[in-house]
PDB file of all heavy atoms in Angstrom:
ATOM      1  N   VAL A   1     -64.138  96.441 -35.084  1.00  0.00           N
ATOM      2  CA  VAL A   1     -63.393  96.496 -36.267  1.00  0.00           C
ATOM      3  C   VAL A   1     -63.067  95.071 -36.649  1.00  0.00           C
ATOM      4  O   VAL A   1     -62.642  94.206 -35.890  1.00  0.00           O
ATOM      5  CB  VAL A   1     -62.015  97.298 -36.019  1.00  0.00           C
ATOM      6  CG1 VAL A   1     -61.175  97.180 -37.255  1.00  0.00           C
ATOM      7  CG2 VAL A   1     -62.407  98.723 -35.695  1.00  0.00           C
ATOM      8  N   ARG A   2     -63.415  94.766 -37.936  1.00  0.00           N
ATOM      9  CA  ARG A   2     -63.140  93.418 -38.509  1.00  0.00           C
ATOM     10  C   ARG A   2     -61.914  93.500 -39.451  1.00  0.00           C
ATOM     11  O   ARG A   2     -61.825  94.470 -40.198  1.00  0.00           O
ATOM     12  CB  ARG A   2     -64.345  92.901 -39.313  1.00  0.00           C
ATOM     13  CG  ARG A   2     -65.548  92.691 -38.422  1.00  0.00           C
ATOM     14  CD  ARG A   2     -66.742  92.243 -39.223  1.00  0.00           C
ATOM     15  NE  ARG A   2     -66.596  90.893 -39.700  1.00  0.00           N
ATOM     16  CZ  ARG A   2     -66.702  90.555 -40.936  1.00  0.00           C
ATOM     17  NH1 ARG A   2     -67.089  91.416 -41.867  1.00  0.00           N
ATOM     18  NH2 ARG A   2     -66.493  89.244 -41.357  1.00  0.00           N
ATOM     19  N   ARG A   3     -61.079  92.471 -39.324  1.00  0.00           N
ATOM     20  CA  ARG A   3     -59.869  92.434 -40.197  1.00  0.00           C
ATOM     21  C   ARG A   3     -60.132  91.477 -41.384  1.00  0.00           C
ATOM     22  O   ARG A   3     -60.508  90.323 -41.151  1.00  0.00           O
ATOM     23  CB  ARG A   3     -58.671  92.034 -39.351  1.00  0.00           C
ATOM     24  CG  ARG A   3     -58.396  92.905 -38.211  1.00  0.00           C
ATOM     25  CD  ARG A   3     -57.626  92.189 -37.116  1.00  0.00           C
ATOM     26  NE  ARG A   3     -58.411  91.099 -36.639  1.00  0.00           N
ATOM     27  CZ  ARG A   3     -58.025  90.254 -35.702  1.00  0.00           C
ATOM     28  NH1 ARG A   3     -56.822  90.378 -35.168  1.00  0.00           N
ATOM     29  NH2 ARG A   3     -58.796  89.269 -35.340  1.00  0.00           N
ATOM     30  N   LEU A   4     -59.791  91.957 -42.568  1.00  0.00           N
ATOM     31  CA  LEU A   4     -60.259  91.226 -43.721  1.00  0.00           C
ATOM     32  C   LEU A   4     -59.008  90.883 -44.665  1.00  0.00           C
ATOM     33  O   LEU A   4     -58.236  91.827 -44.960  1.00  0.00           O
ATOM     34  CB  LEU A   4     -61.235  92.011 -44.600  1.00  0.00           C
ATOM     35  CG  LEU A   4     -62.476  92.511 -43.885  1.00  0.00           C
ATOM     36  CD1 LEU A   4     -63.268  93.455 -44.698  1.00  0.00           C
ATOM     37  CD2 LEU A   4     -63.390  91.297 -43.477  1.00  0.00           C
ATOM     38  N   GLN A   5     -58.865  89.642 -45.008  1.00  0.00           N
ATOM     39  CA  GLN A   5     -57.862  89.300 -46.062  1.00  0.00           C
ATOM     40  C   GLN A   5     -58.652  89.424 -47.363  1.00  0.00           C
ATOM     41  O   GLN A   5     -59.895  89.106 -47.466  1.00  0.00           O
ATOM     42  CB  GLN A   5     -57.438  87.849 -45.960  1.00  0.00           C
ATOM     43  CG  GLN A   5     -56.317  87.669 -45.027  1.00  0.00           C
ATOM     44  CD  GLN A   5     -55.612  86.263 -45.239  1.00  0.00           C
ATOM     45  OE1 GLN A   5     -55.474  85.780 -46.300  1.00  0.00           O
ATOM     46  NE2 GLN A   5     -55.262  85.657 -44.095  1.00  0.00           N
ATOM     47  N   ILE A   6     -58.004  89.872 -48.410  1.00  0.00           N
ATOM     48  CA  ILE A   6     -58.660  90.034 -49.715  1.00  0.00           C
ATOM     49  C   ILE A   6     -57.888  89.284 -50.750  1.00  0.00           C
ATOM     50  O   ILE A   6     -56.636  89.465 -50.798  1.00  0.00           O
ATOM     51  CB  ILE A   6     -58.747  91.540 -50.120  1.00  0.00           C
ATOM     52  CG1 ILE A   6     -59.521  92.369 -49.119  1.00  0.00           C
ATOM     53  CG2 ILE A   6     -59.368  91.608 -51.566  1.00  0.00           C
ATOM     54  CD1 ILE A   6     -59.552  93.793 -49.342  1.00  0.00           C
ATOM     55  N   LYS A   7     -58.567  88.342 -51.421  1.00  0.00           N
ATOM     56  CA  LYS A   7     -57.954  87.548 -52.452  1.00  0.00           C
ATOM     57  C   LYS A   7     -58.652  87.845 -53.816  1.00  0.00           C
ATOM     58  O   LYS A   7     -59.897  88.105 -53.797  1.00  0.00           O
ATOM     59  CB  LYS A   7     -58.091  86.052 -52.163  1.00  0.00           C
ATOM     60  CG  LYS A   7     -57.474  85.628 -50.830  1.00  0.00           C
ATOM     61  CD  LYS A   7     -55.938  85.869 -50.946  1.00  0.00           C
ATOM     62  CE  LYS A   7     -55.355  85.404 -49.569  1.00  0.00           C
ATOM     63  NZ  LYS A   7     -53.879  85.740 -49.638  1.00  0.00           N
ATOM     64  N   GLY A   8     -57.957  87.906 -54.854  1.00  0.00           N
ATOM     65  CA  GLY A   8     -58.608  88.196 -56.137  1.00  0.00           C
ATOM     66  C   GLY A   8     -58.270  87.223 -57.244  1.00  0.00           C
ATOM     67  O   GLY A   8     -57.231  86.604 -57.184  1.00  0.00           O
ATOM     68  N   ARG A   9     -59.163  87.183 -58.189  1.00  0.00           N
ATOM     69  CA  ARG A   9     -58.919  86.246 -59.379  1.00  0.00           C
ATOM     70  C   ARG A   9     -59.572  86.943 -60.570  1.00  0.00           C
ATOM     71  O   ARG A   9     -60.758  87.365 -60.554  1.00  0.00           O
ATOM     72  CB  ARG A   9     -59.486  84.917 -59.100  1.00  0.00           C
ATOM     73  CG  ARG A   9     -59.320  83.877 -60.235  1.00  0.00           C
ATOM     74  CD  ARG A   9     -58.020  83.835 -60.782  1.00  0.00           C
ATOM     75  NE  ARG A   9     -57.155  82.738 -60.307  1.00  0.00           N
ATOM     76  CZ  ARG A   9     -55.849  82.693 -60.602  1.00  0.00           C
ATOM     77  NH1 ARG A   9     -55.244  83.617 -61.200  1.00  0.00           N
ATOM     78  NH2 ARG A   9     -55.217  81.763 -60.086  1.00  0.00           N
ATOM     79  N   CYS A  10     -58.826  87.100 -61.652  1.00  0.00           N
ATOM     80  CA  CYS A  10     -59.364  87.637 -62.898  1.00  0.00           C
ATOM     81  C   CYS A  10     -59.817  86.482 -63.754  1.00  0.00           C
ATOM     82  O   CYS A  10     -58.956  85.578 -64.132  1.00  0.00           O
ATOM     83  CB  CYS A  10     -58.275  88.504 -63.599  1.00  0.00           C
ATOM     84  SG  CYS A  10     -58.896  89.355 -65.064  1.00  0.00           S
ATOM     85  N   LEU A  11     -61.049  86.485 -64.042  1.00  0.00           N
ATOM     86  CA  LEU A  11     -61.585  85.329 -64.893  1.00  0.00           C
ATOM     87  C   LEU A  11     -61.835  85.818 -66.330  1.00  0.00           C
ATOM     88  O   LEU A  11     -62.746  86.537 -66.557  1.00  0.00           O
ATOM     89  CB  LEU A  11     -62.881  84.817 -64.271  1.00  0.00           C
ATOM     90  CG  LEU A  11     -62.780  84.309 -62.794  1.00  0.00           C
ATOM     91  CD1 LEU A  11     -64.164  83.951 -62.232  1.00  0.00           C
ATOM     92  CD2 LEU A  11     -61.878  83.147 -62.788  1.00  0.00           C
ATOM     93  N   LEU A  12     -61.047  85.356 -67.238  1.00  0.00           N
ATOM     94  CA  LEU A  12     -61.263  85.671 -68.646  1.00  0.00           C
ATOM     95  C   LEU A  12     -62.186  84.723 -69.227  1.00  0.00           C
ATOM     96  O   LEU A  12     -62.449  83.662 -68.716  1.00  0.00           O
ATOM     97  CB  LEU A  12     -59.817  85.644 -69.332  1.00  0.00           C
ATOM     98  CG  LEU A  12     -58.758  86.497 -68.736  1.00  0.00           C
ATOM     99  CD1 LEU A  12     -57.425  86.288 -69.479  1.00  0.00           C
ATOM    100  CD2 LEU A  12     -59.170  87.970 -68.761  1.00  0.00           C
ATOM    101  N   LYS A  13     -62.641  85.098 -70.394  1.00  0.00           N
ATOM    102  CA  LYS A  13     -63.645  84.243 -71.139  1.00  0.00           C
ATOM    103  C   LYS A  13     -63.139  82.858 -71.389  1.00  0.00           C
ATOM    104  O   LYS A  13     -63.880  81.881 -71.369  1.00  0.00           O
ATOM    105  CB  LYS A  13     -64.088  84.921 -72.409  1.00  0.00           C
ATOM    106  CG  LYS A  13     -64.998  86.125 -72.160  1.00  0.00           C
ATOM    107  CD  LYS A  13     -65.519  86.763 -73.450  1.00  0.00           C
ATOM    108  CE  LYS A  13     -66.501  87.833 -73.125  1.00  0.00           C
ATOM    109  NZ  LYS A  13     -66.113  89.165 -73.475  1.00  0.00           N
ATOM    110  N   ASN A  14     -61.796  82.688 -71.651  1.00  0.00           N
ATOM    111  CA  ASN A  14     -61.269  81.351 -71.918  1.00  0.00           C
ATOM    112  C   ASN A  14     -60.551  80.774 -70.730  1.00  0.00           C
ATOM    113  O   ASN A  14     -59.750  79.879 -70.893  1.00  0.00           O
ATOM    114  CB  ASN A  14     -60.331  81.490 -73.113  1.00  0.00           C
ATOM    115  CG  ASN A  14     -59.187  82.488 -72.862  1.00  0.00           C
ATOM    116  OD1 ASN A  14     -59.171  83.241 -71.891  1.00  0.00           O
ATOM    117  ND2 ASN A  14     -58.292  82.518 -73.788  1.00  0.00           N
ATOM    118  N   SER A  15     -60.875  81.247 -69.477  1.00  0.00           N
ATOM    119  CA  SER A  15     -60.236  80.790 -68.281  1.00  0.00           C
ATOM    120  C   SER A  15     -60.615  79.277 -67.967  1.00  0.00           C
ATOM    121  O   SER A  15     -61.702  78.917 -68.265  1.00  0.00           O
ATOM    122  CB  SER A  15     -60.628  81.562 -67.094  1.00  0.00           C
ATOM    123  OG  SER A  15     -60.068  82.892 -67.165  1.00  0.00           O
ATOM    124  N   LYS A  16     -59.657  78.565 -67.418  1.00  0.00           N
ATOM    125  CA  LYS A  16     -59.909  77.254 -67.066  1.00  0.00           C
ATOM    126  C   LYS A  16     -60.718  77.307 -65.755  1.00  0.00           C
ATOM    127  O   LYS A  16     -60.462  78.077 -64.933  1.00  0.00           O
ATOM    128  CB  LYS A  16     -58.598  76.517 -66.793  1.00  0.00           C
ATOM    129  CG  LYS A  16     -57.721  76.342 -68.011  1.00  0.00           C
ATOM    130  CD  LYS A  16     -56.479  75.626 -67.686  1.00  0.00           C
ATOM    131  CE  LYS A  16     -55.502  75.625 -68.842  1.00  0.00           C
ATOM    132  NZ  LYS A  16     -54.201  75.057 -68.532  1.00  0.00           N
ATOM    133  N   PRO A  17     -61.670  76.349 -65.630  1.00  0.00           N
ATOM    134  CA  PRO A  17     -62.424  76.285 -64.323  1.00  0.00           C
ATOM    135  C   PRO A  17     -61.468  75.793 -63.250  1.00  0.00           C
ATOM    136  O   PRO A  17     -60.504  75.113 -63.501  1.00  0.00           O
ATOM    137  CB  PRO A  17     -63.533  75.292 -64.599  1.00  0.00           C
ATOM    138  CG  PRO A  17     -63.075  74.488 -65.798  1.00  0.00           C
ATOM    139  CD  PRO A  17     -62.166  75.374 -66.606  1.00  0.00           C
ATOM    140  N   GLY A  18     -61.803  76.223 -62.012  1.00  0.00           N
ATOM    141  CA  GLY A  18     -60.958  75.662 -60.913  1.00  0.00           C
ATOM    142  C   GLY A  18     -59.663  76.459 -60.668  1.00  0.00           C
ATOM    143  O   GLY A  18     -58.843  75.951 -60.021  1.00  0.00           O
ATOM    144  N   GLN A  19     -59.611  77.696 -61.145  1.00  0.00           N
ATOM    145  CA  GLN A  19     -58.426  78.484 -60.834  1.00  0.00           C
ATOM    146  C   GLN A  19     -58.304  78.736 -59.368  1.00  0.00           C
ATOM    147  O   GLN A  19     -59.326  78.755 -58.677  1.00  0.00           O
ATOM    148  CB  GLN A  19     -58.516  79.876 -61.508  1.00  0.00           C
ATOM    149  CG  GLN A  19     -58.408  79.820 -62.952  1.00  0.00           C
ATOM    150  CD  GLN A  19     -58.406  81.205 -63.632  1.00  0.00           C
ATOM    151  OE1 GLN A  19     -57.902  82.134 -62.991  1.00  0.00           O
ATOM    152  NE2 GLN A  19     -58.956  81.343 -64.767  1.00  0.00           N
ATOM    153  N   ARG A  20     -57.089  78.782 -58.857  1.00  0.00           N
ATOM    154  CA  ARG A  20     -56.816  78.901 -57.470  1.00  0.00           C
ATOM    155  C   ARG A  20     -56.599  80.313 -57.070  1.00  0.00           C
ATOM    156  O   ARG A  20     -56.228  81.170 -57.874  1.00  0.00           O
ATOM    157  CB  ARG A  20     -55.600  78.078 -57.054  1.00  0.00           C
ATOM    158  CG  ARG A  20     -55.874  76.595 -57.193  1.00  0.00           C
ATOM    159  CD  ARG A  20     -54.650  75.828 -56.795  1.00  0.00           C
ATOM    160  NE  ARG A  20     -54.852  74.403 -57.028  1.00  0.00           N
ATOM    161  CZ  ARG A  20     -55.213  73.510 -56.091  1.00  0.00           C
ATOM    162  NH1 ARG A  20     -55.294  73.937 -54.862  1.00  0.00           N
ATOM    163  NH2 ARG A  20     -55.390  72.257 -56.404  1.00  0.00           N
ATOM    164  N   LEU A  21     -56.846  80.651 -55.744  1.00  0.00           N
ATOM    165  CA  LEU A  21     -56.540  81.907 -55.194  1.00  0.00           C
ATOM    166  C   LEU A  21     -55.224  81.903 -54.477  1.00  0.00           C
ATOM    167  O   LEU A  21     -54.703  80.732 -54.243  1.00  0.00           O
ATOM    168  CB  LEU A  21     -57.651  82.316 -54.172  1.00  0.00           C
ATOM    169  CG  LEU A  21     -59.045  82.517 -54.706  1.00  0.00           C
ATOM    170  CD1 LEU A  21     -60.026  82.750 -53.611  1.00  0.00           C
ATOM    171  CD2 LEU A  21     -59.071  83.722 -55.713  1.00  0.00           C
ATOM    172  N   GLY A  22     -54.734  82.959 -54.043  1.00  0.00           N
ATOM    173  CA  GLY A  22     -53.531  83.009 -53.275  1.00  0.00           C
ATOM    174  C   GLY A  22     -53.739  82.310 -51.952  1.00  0.00           C
ATOM    175  O   GLY A  22     -54.853  82.162 -51.464  1.00  0.00           O
ATOM    176  N   ARG A  23     -52.623  81.957 -51.303  1.00  0.00           N
ATOM    177  CA  ARG A  23     -52.655  81.223 -50.089  1.00  0.00           C
ATOM    178  C   ARG A  23     -53.198  82.098 -48.949  1.00  0.00           C
ATOM    179  O   ARG A  23     -52.961  83.298 -48.807  1.00  0.00           O
ATOM    180  CB  ARG A  23     -51.182  80.894 -49.678  1.00  0.00           C
ATOM    181  CG  ARG A  23     -51.091  80.031 -48.496  1.00  0.00           C
ATOM    182  CD  ARG A  23     -49.572  79.614 -48.305  1.00  0.00           C
ATOM    183  NE  ARG A  23     -49.348  79.027 -47.045  1.00  0.00           N
ATOM    184  CZ  ARG A  23     -49.032  79.698 -45.902  1.00  0.00           C
ATOM    185  NH1 ARG A  23     -48.965  80.964 -45.953  1.00  0.00           N
ATOM    186  NH2 ARG A  23     -48.959  79.019 -44.787  1.00  0.00           N
ATOM    187  N   ILE A  24     -54.005  81.547 -48.098  1.00  0.00           N
ATOM    188  CA  ILE A  24     -54.685  82.111 -46.945  1.00  0.00           C
ATOM    189  C   ILE A  24     -53.839  81.667 -45.725  1.00  0.00           C
ATOM    190  O   ILE A  24     -53.769  80.473 -45.410  1.00  0.00           O
ATOM    191  CB  ILE A  24     -56.122  81.783 -46.720  1.00  0.00           C
ATOM    192  CG1 ILE A  24     -56.984  82.299 -47.992  1.00  0.00           C
ATOM    193  CG2 ILE A  24     -56.659  82.337 -45.425  1.00  0.00           C
ATOM    194  CD1 ILE A  24     -58.387  81.765 -47.930  1.00  0.00           C
ATOM    195  N   ASP A  25     -53.140  82.650 -45.102  1.00  0.00           N
ATOM    196  CA  ASP A  25     -52.333  82.329 -43.986  1.00  0.00           C
ATOM    197  C   ASP A  25     -53.116  82.135 -42.709  1.00  0.00           C
ATOM    198  O   ASP A  25     -53.462  83.151 -42.107  1.00  0.00           O
ATOM    199  CB  ASP A  25     -51.211  83.335 -43.861  1.00  0.00           C
ATOM    200  CG  ASP A  25     -50.096  82.919 -42.870  1.00  0.00           C
ATOM    201  OD1 ASP A  25     -50.312  81.976 -42.032  1.00  0.00           O
ATOM    202  OD2 ASP A  25     -49.029  83.511 -42.861  1.00  0.00           O
ATOM    203  N   THR A  26     -53.343  80.974 -42.284  1.00  0.00           N
ATOM    204  CA  THR A  26     -54.203  80.712 -41.073  1.00  0.00           C
ATOM    205  C   THR A  26     -53.470  81.030 -39.756  1.00  0.00           C
ATOM    206  O   THR A  26     -54.102  81.013 -38.787  1.00  0.00           O
ATOM    207  CB  THR A  26     -54.685  79.305 -41.077  1.00  0.00           C
ATOM    208  OG1 THR A  26     -53.584  78.371 -41.088  1.00  0.00           O
ATOM    209  CG2 THR A  26     -55.569  78.991 -42.342  1.00  0.00           C
ATOM    210  N   ARG A  27     -52.206  81.291 -39.815  1.00  0.00           N
ATOM    211  CA  ARG A  27     -51.454  81.620 -38.527  1.00  0.00           C
ATOM    212  C   ARG A  27     -51.525  83.032 -38.172  1.00  0.00           C
ATOM    213  O   ARG A  27     -51.277  83.454 -37.100  1.00  0.00           O
ATOM    214  CB  ARG A  27     -49.998  81.211 -38.772  1.00  0.00           C
ATOM    215  CG  ARG A  27     -49.739  79.744 -38.975  1.00  0.00           C
ATOM    216  CD  ARG A  27     -48.372  79.412 -39.421  1.00  0.00           C
ATOM    217  NE  ARG A  27     -48.095  80.165 -40.701  1.00  0.00           N
ATOM    218  CZ  ARG A  27     -46.969  80.293 -41.295  1.00  0.00           C
ATOM    219  NH1 ARG A  27     -45.845  79.871 -40.735  1.00  0.00           N
ATOM    220  NH2 ARG A  27     -46.881  80.904 -42.440  1.00  0.00           N
ATOM    221  N   LYS A  28     -51.969  83.878 -39.143  1.00  0.00           N
ATOM    222  CA  LYS A  28     -52.122  85.319 -38.879  1.00  0.00           C
ATOM    223  C   LYS A  28     -53.496  85.703 -38.335  1.00  0.00           C
ATOM    224  O   LYS A  28     -54.417  84.802 -38.425  1.00  0.00           O
ATOM    225  CB  LYS A  28     -51.883  86.126 -40.193  1.00  0.00           C
ATOM    226  CG  LYS A  28     -50.620  85.819 -40.885  1.00  0.00           C
ATOM    227  CD  LYS A  28     -49.483  86.451 -40.145  1.00  0.00           C
ATOM    228  CE  LYS A  28     -48.180  86.262 -41.013  1.00  0.00           C
ATOM    229  NZ  LYS A  28     -47.002  86.444 -40.316  1.00  0.00           N
ATOM    230  N   ASP A  29     -53.569  86.841 -37.755  1.00  0.00           N
ATOM    231  CA  ASP A  29     -54.833  87.311 -37.172  1.00  0.00           C
ATOM    232  C   ASP A  29     -55.690  88.000 -38.261  1.00  0.00           C
ATOM    233  O   ASP A  29     -55.219  89.018 -38.899  1.00  0.00           O
ATOM    234  CB  ASP A  29     -54.651  88.320 -36.094  1.00  0.00           C
ATOM    235  CG  ASP A  29     -54.037  87.660 -34.834  1.00  0.00           C
ATOM    236  OD1 ASP A  29     -54.408  86.439 -34.587  1.00  0.00           O
ATOM    237  OD2 ASP A  29     -53.316  88.293 -34.143  1.00  0.00           O
ATOM    238  N   TRP A  30     -56.894  87.465 -38.508  1.00  0.00           N
ATOM    239  CA  TRP A  30     -57.859  88.055 -39.477  1.00  0.00           C
ATOM    240  C   TRP A  30     -59.211  87.442 -39.051  1.00  0.00           C
ATOM    241  O   TRP A  30     -59.303  86.428 -38.365  1.00  0.00           O
ATOM    242  CB  TRP A  30     -57.513  87.775 -40.853  1.00  0.00           C
ATOM    243  CG  TRP A  30     -57.128  86.380 -41.177  1.00  0.00           C
ATOM    244  CD1 TRP A  30     -55.982  85.747 -41.128  1.00  0.00           C
ATOM    245  CD2 TRP A  30     -58.069  85.336 -41.559  1.00  0.00           C
ATOM    246  NE1 TRP A  30     -56.092  84.422 -41.426  1.00  0.00           N
ATOM    247  CE2 TRP A  30     -57.356  84.098 -41.720  1.00  0.00           C
ATOM    248  CE3 TRP A  30     -59.473  85.329 -41.862  1.00  0.00           C
ATOM    249  CZ2 TRP A  30     -57.910  82.909 -42.162  1.00  0.00           C
ATOM    250  CZ3 TRP A  30     -60.013  84.068 -42.262  1.00  0.00           C
ATOM    251  CH2 TRP A  30     -59.264  82.910 -42.366  1.00  0.00           C
ATOM    252  N   ASP A  31     -60.273  88.139 -39.452  1.00  0.00           N
ATOM    253  CA  ASP A  31     -61.622  87.746 -39.061  1.00  0.00           C
ATOM    254  C   ASP A  31     -62.375  87.119 -40.223  1.00  0.00           C
ATOM    255  O   ASP A  31     -63.302  86.262 -40.010  1.00  0.00           O
ATOM    256  CB  ASP A  31     -62.391  88.955 -38.575  1.00  0.00           C
ATOM    257  CG  ASP A  31     -61.776  89.561 -37.443  1.00  0.00           C
ATOM    258  OD1 ASP A  31     -61.514  88.815 -36.386  1.00  0.00           O
ATOM    259  OD2 ASP A  31     -61.383  90.736 -37.365  1.00  0.00           O
ATOM    260  N   ALA A  32     -62.144  87.536 -41.562  1.00  0.00           N
ATOM    261  CA  ALA A  32     -62.806  86.972 -42.664  1.00  0.00           C
ATOM    262  C   ALA A  32     -61.995  87.197 -43.938  1.00  0.00           C
ATOM    263  O   ALA A  32     -61.013  87.957 -43.941  1.00  0.00           O
ATOM    264  CB  ALA A  32     -64.203  87.710 -42.807  1.00  0.00           C
ATOM    265  N   VAL A  33     -62.296  86.414 -44.900  1.00  0.00           N
ATOM    266  CA  VAL A  33     -61.702  86.544 -46.250  1.00  0.00           C
ATOM    267  C   VAL A  33     -62.662  87.048 -47.280  1.00  0.00           C
ATOM    268  O   VAL A  33     -63.838  86.530 -47.319  1.00  0.00           O
ATOM    269  CB  VAL A  33     -61.081  85.183 -46.709  1.00  0.00           C
ATOM    270  CG1 VAL A  33     -60.453  85.303 -48.107  1.00  0.00           C
ATOM    271  CG2 VAL A  33     -60.056  84.663 -45.707  1.00  0.00           C
ATOM    272  N   LEU A  34     -62.248  88.018 -48.088  1.00  0.00           N
ATOM    273  CA  LEU A  34     -63.106  88.414 -49.213  1.00  0.00           C
ATOM    274  C   LEU A  34     -62.484  87.828 -50.470  1.00  0.00           C
ATOM    275  O   LEU A  34     -61.272  87.992 -50.708  1.00  0.00           O
ATOM    276  CB  LEU A  34     -63.144  89.938 -49.327  1.00  0.00           C
ATOM    277  CG  LEU A  34     -63.750  90.722 -48.184  1.00  0.00           C
ATOM    278  CD1 LEU A  34     -63.668  92.208 -48.448  1.00  0.00           C
ATOM    279  CD2 LEU A  34     -65.248  90.301 -47.946  1.00  0.00           C
ATOM    280  N   MET A  35     -63.279  87.212 -51.323  1.00  0.00           N
ATOM    281  CA  MET A  35     -62.768  86.703 -52.555  1.00  0.00           C
ATOM    282  C   MET A  35     -63.442  87.556 -53.698  1.00  0.00           C
ATOM    283  O   MET A  35     -64.676  87.632 -53.851  1.00  0.00           O
ATOM    284  CB  MET A  35     -63.185  85.215 -52.820  1.00  0.00           C
ATOM    285  CG  MET A  35     -62.783  84.767 -54.176  1.00  0.00           C
ATOM    286  SD  MET A  35     -63.120  83.015 -54.504  1.00  0.00           S
ATOM    287  CE  MET A  35     -64.907  83.053 -54.564  1.00  0.00           C
ATOM    288  N   VAL A  36     -62.598  88.310 -54.409  1.00  0.00           N
ATOM    289  CA  VAL A  36     -63.080  89.251 -55.399  1.00  0.00           C
ATOM    290  C   VAL A  36     -62.811  88.578 -56.768  1.00  0.00           C
ATOM    291  O   VAL A  36     -61.725  88.364 -57.110  1.00  0.00           O
ATOM    292  CB  VAL A  36     -62.359  90.648 -55.220  1.00  0.00           C
ATOM    293  CG1 VAL A  36     -62.869  91.620 -56.328  1.00  0.00           C
ATOM    294  CG2 VAL A  36     -62.504  91.174 -53.837  1.00  0.00           C
TER     295      VAL A  36
END
């Protein structure tokens, strides 16, 4: 079983490049991050 953090970003047509995702807590237990 793999534990996944999921981060998301909605990119609109007029979005600025370089938008950030939510913070990834490296102190918690997880195996991979999915960026949607």
